[in-house]
Amino acid sequence: MLCTKIIMNPNDKQEIKTPEKGKVVSKEEYNLLISEKMEEYRNNRVRNGINPR
């Protein structure tokens, strides 16, 4: 994330919009997805010649 400006208490409040895309997942599904993606990331790093340690 790259920020160019941070406003702590803006005068004009902006409404946060609910996302329209994507799907709702349970905490268990989320944890499983994160585990799979972390494993995929580790495998890609080793395959590309970048040793994690």
N, C-alpha and C. Protein backbone atom coordinates (compact mmCIF):
# COMPACT_ATOMS: atom_id res chain seq x y z
N MET A 1 0.85 -1.16 0.00
CA MET A 1 0.00 0.00 0.00
C MET A 1 0.90 1.22 0.00
N LEU A 2 0.55 2.17 -0.82
CA LEU A 2 1.31 3.39 -0.91
C LEU A 2 0.38 4.56 -0.67
N CYS A 3 0.70 5.37 0.30
CA CYS A 3 -0.13 6.53 0.62
C CYS A 3 0.64 7.79 0.29
N THR A 4 -0.06 8.74 -0.29
CA THR A 4 0.55 10.03 -0.56
C THR A 4 0.07 11.07 0.43
N LYS A 5 -1.05 10.77 1.10
CA LYS A 5 -1.62 11.73 2.02
C LYS A 5 -2.53 10.99 3.00
N ILE A 6 -2.43 11.33 4.27
CA ILE A 6 -3.29 10.73 5.29
C ILE A 6 -4.06 11.85 5.98
N ILE A 7 -5.38 11.71 6.01
CA ILE A 7 -6.23 12.70 6.68
C ILE A 7 -6.93 11.96 7.82
N MET A 8 -6.62 12.36 9.05
CA MET A 8 -7.14 11.64 10.21
C MET A 8 -8.62 11.93 10.48
N ASN A 9 -9.04 13.16 10.45
CA ASN A 9 -10.42 13.54 10.74
C ASN A 9 -10.93 14.48 9.65
N PRO A 10 -11.33 13.92 8.50
CA PRO A 10 -11.77 14.79 7.40
C PRO A 10 -13.08 15.50 7.74
N ASN A 11 -13.24 16.71 7.21
CA ASN A 11 -14.47 17.45 7.40
C ASN A 11 -15.62 16.83 6.62
N ASP A 12 -15.33 16.38 5.39
CA ASP A 12 -16.34 15.74 4.56
C ASP A 12 -16.22 14.24 4.73
N LYS A 13 -17.13 13.65 5.46
CA LYS A 13 -17.11 12.20 5.70
C LYS A 13 -17.47 11.47 4.41
N GLN A 14 -16.67 10.46 4.06
CA GLN A 14 -16.95 9.66 2.88
C GLN A 14 -17.55 8.34 3.32
N GLU A 15 -18.55 7.91 2.59
CA GLU A 15 -19.22 6.66 2.91
C GLU A 15 -18.44 5.50 2.33
N ILE A 16 -18.25 4.46 3.11
CA ILE A 16 -17.57 3.26 2.64
C ILE A 16 -18.62 2.37 1.97
N LYS A 17 -18.35 2.00 0.72
CA LYS A 17 -19.31 1.21 -0.04
C LYS A 17 -19.03 -0.28 0.13
N THR A 18 -20.09 -1.07 0.18
CA THR A 18 -19.98 -2.51 0.26
C THR A 18 -19.53 -3.05 -1.09
N PRO A 19 -18.56 -3.99 -1.11
CA PRO A 19 -18.11 -4.56 -2.38
C PRO A 19 -19.26 -5.27 -3.10
N GLU A 20 -19.25 -5.18 -4.42
CA GLU A 20 -20.30 -5.82 -5.20
C GLU A 20 -19.83 -7.14 -5.80
N LYS A 21 -18.52 -7.34 -5.91
CA LYS A 21 -17.99 -8.58 -6.47
C LYS A 21 -17.46 -9.45 -5.35
N GLY A 22 -17.13 -10.68 -5.68
CA GLY A 22 -16.57 -11.59 -4.70
C GLY A 22 -17.63 -12.45 -4.06
N LYS A 23 -17.21 -13.29 -3.14
CA LYS A 23 -18.17 -14.14 -2.45
C LYS A 23 -17.85 -14.15 -0.96
N VAL A 24 -18.86 -14.44 -0.19
CA VAL A 24 -18.71 -14.51 1.26
C VAL A 24 -18.18 -15.89 1.62
N VAL A 25 -17.11 -15.93 2.41
CA VAL A 25 -16.55 -17.20 2.85
C VAL A 25 -16.51 -17.23 4.36
N SER A 26 -16.53 -18.44 4.90
CA SER A 26 -16.44 -18.60 6.35
C SER A 26 -14.98 -18.44 6.77
N LYS A 27 -14.76 -18.31 8.06
CA LYS A 27 -13.40 -18.18 8.59
C LYS A 27 -12.58 -19.43 8.26
N GLU A 28 -13.20 -20.61 8.31
CA GLU A 28 -12.50 -21.85 8.00
C GLU A 28 -12.08 -21.89 6.52
N GLU A 29 -13.00 -21.48 5.62
CA GLU A 29 -12.67 -21.43 4.20
C GLU A 29 -11.55 -20.43 3.94
N TYR A 30 -11.60 -19.30 4.62
CA TYR A 30 -10.57 -18.27 4.48
C TYR A 30 -9.21 -18.82 4.91
N ASN A 31 -9.16 -19.46 6.07
CA ASN A 31 -7.89 -20.01 6.56
C ASN A 31 -7.34 -21.06 5.61
N LEU A 32 -8.21 -21.91 5.05
CA LEU A 32 -7.77 -22.92 4.08
C LEU A 32 -7.21 -22.26 2.83
N LEU A 33 -7.89 -21.24 2.34
CA LEU A 33 -7.44 -20.52 1.15
C LEU A 33 -6.09 -19.87 1.38
N ILE A 34 -5.90 -19.24 2.54
CA ILE A 34 -4.63 -18.59 2.87
C ILE A 34 -3.52 -19.62 2.94
N SER A 35 -3.78 -20.76 3.56
CA SER A 35 -2.76 -21.81 3.64
C SER A 35 -2.35 -22.30 2.26
N GLU A 36 -3.34 -22.51 1.38
CA GLU A 36 -3.03 -22.96 0.02
C GLU A 36 -2.21 -21.92 -0.73
N LYS A 37 -2.58 -20.66 -0.61
CA LYS A 37 -1.85 -19.60 -1.32
C LYS A 37 -0.43 -19.43 -0.78
N MET A 38 -0.25 -19.59 0.53
CA MET A 38 1.09 -19.50 1.10
C MET A 38 1.97 -20.64 0.58
N GLU A 39 1.42 -21.83 0.49
CA GLU A 39 2.16 -22.98 -0.05
C GLU A 39 2.50 -22.74 -1.52
N GLU A 40 1.55 -22.23 -2.28
CA GLU A 40 1.77 -21.92 -3.68
C GLU A 40 2.89 -20.88 -3.83
N TYR A 41 2.88 -19.86 -2.99
CA TYR A 41 3.90 -18.81 -3.02
C TYR A 41 5.28 -19.40 -2.72
N ARG A 42 5.36 -20.26 -1.70
CA ARG A 42 6.65 -20.89 -1.36
C ARG A 42 7.16 -21.73 -2.52
N ASN A 43 6.28 -22.50 -3.14
CA ASN A 43 6.68 -23.35 -4.27
C ASN A 43 7.16 -22.51 -5.44
N ASN A 44 6.51 -21.41 -5.71
CA ASN A 44 6.92 -20.54 -6.82
C ASN A 44 8.27 -19.89 -6.55
N ARG A 45 8.55 -19.53 -5.32
CA ARG A 45 9.84 -18.92 -4.99
C ARG A 45 10.97 -19.90 -5.20
N VAL A 46 10.79 -21.14 -4.79
CA VAL A 46 11.83 -22.16 -4.95
C VAL A 46 12.01 -22.48 -6.42
N ARG A 47 10.92 -22.58 -7.16
CA ARG A 47 10.97 -22.93 -8.57
C ARG A 47 11.65 -21.83 -9.39
N ASN A 48 11.52 -20.59 -8.97
CA ASN A 48 12.12 -19.46 -9.70
C ASN A 48 13.57 -19.22 -9.31
N GLY A 49 14.12 -20.08 -8.49
CA GLY A 49 15.52 -19.95 -8.11
C GLY A 49 15.77 -19.03 -6.94
N ILE A 50 14.74 -18.61 -6.26
CA ILE A 50 14.90 -17.76 -5.08
C ILE A 50 14.76 -18.64 -3.86
N ASN A 51 15.85 -18.81 -3.14
CA ASN A 51 15.83 -19.63 -1.95
C ASN A 51 15.33 -18.80 -0.78
N PRO A 52 14.27 -19.25 -0.07
CA PRO A 52 13.73 -18.45 1.01
C PRO A 52 14.70 -18.22 2.17
N ARG A 53 15.69 -19.06 2.34
CA ARG A 53 16.67 -18.87 3.43
C ARG A 53 18.04 -19.21 2.97
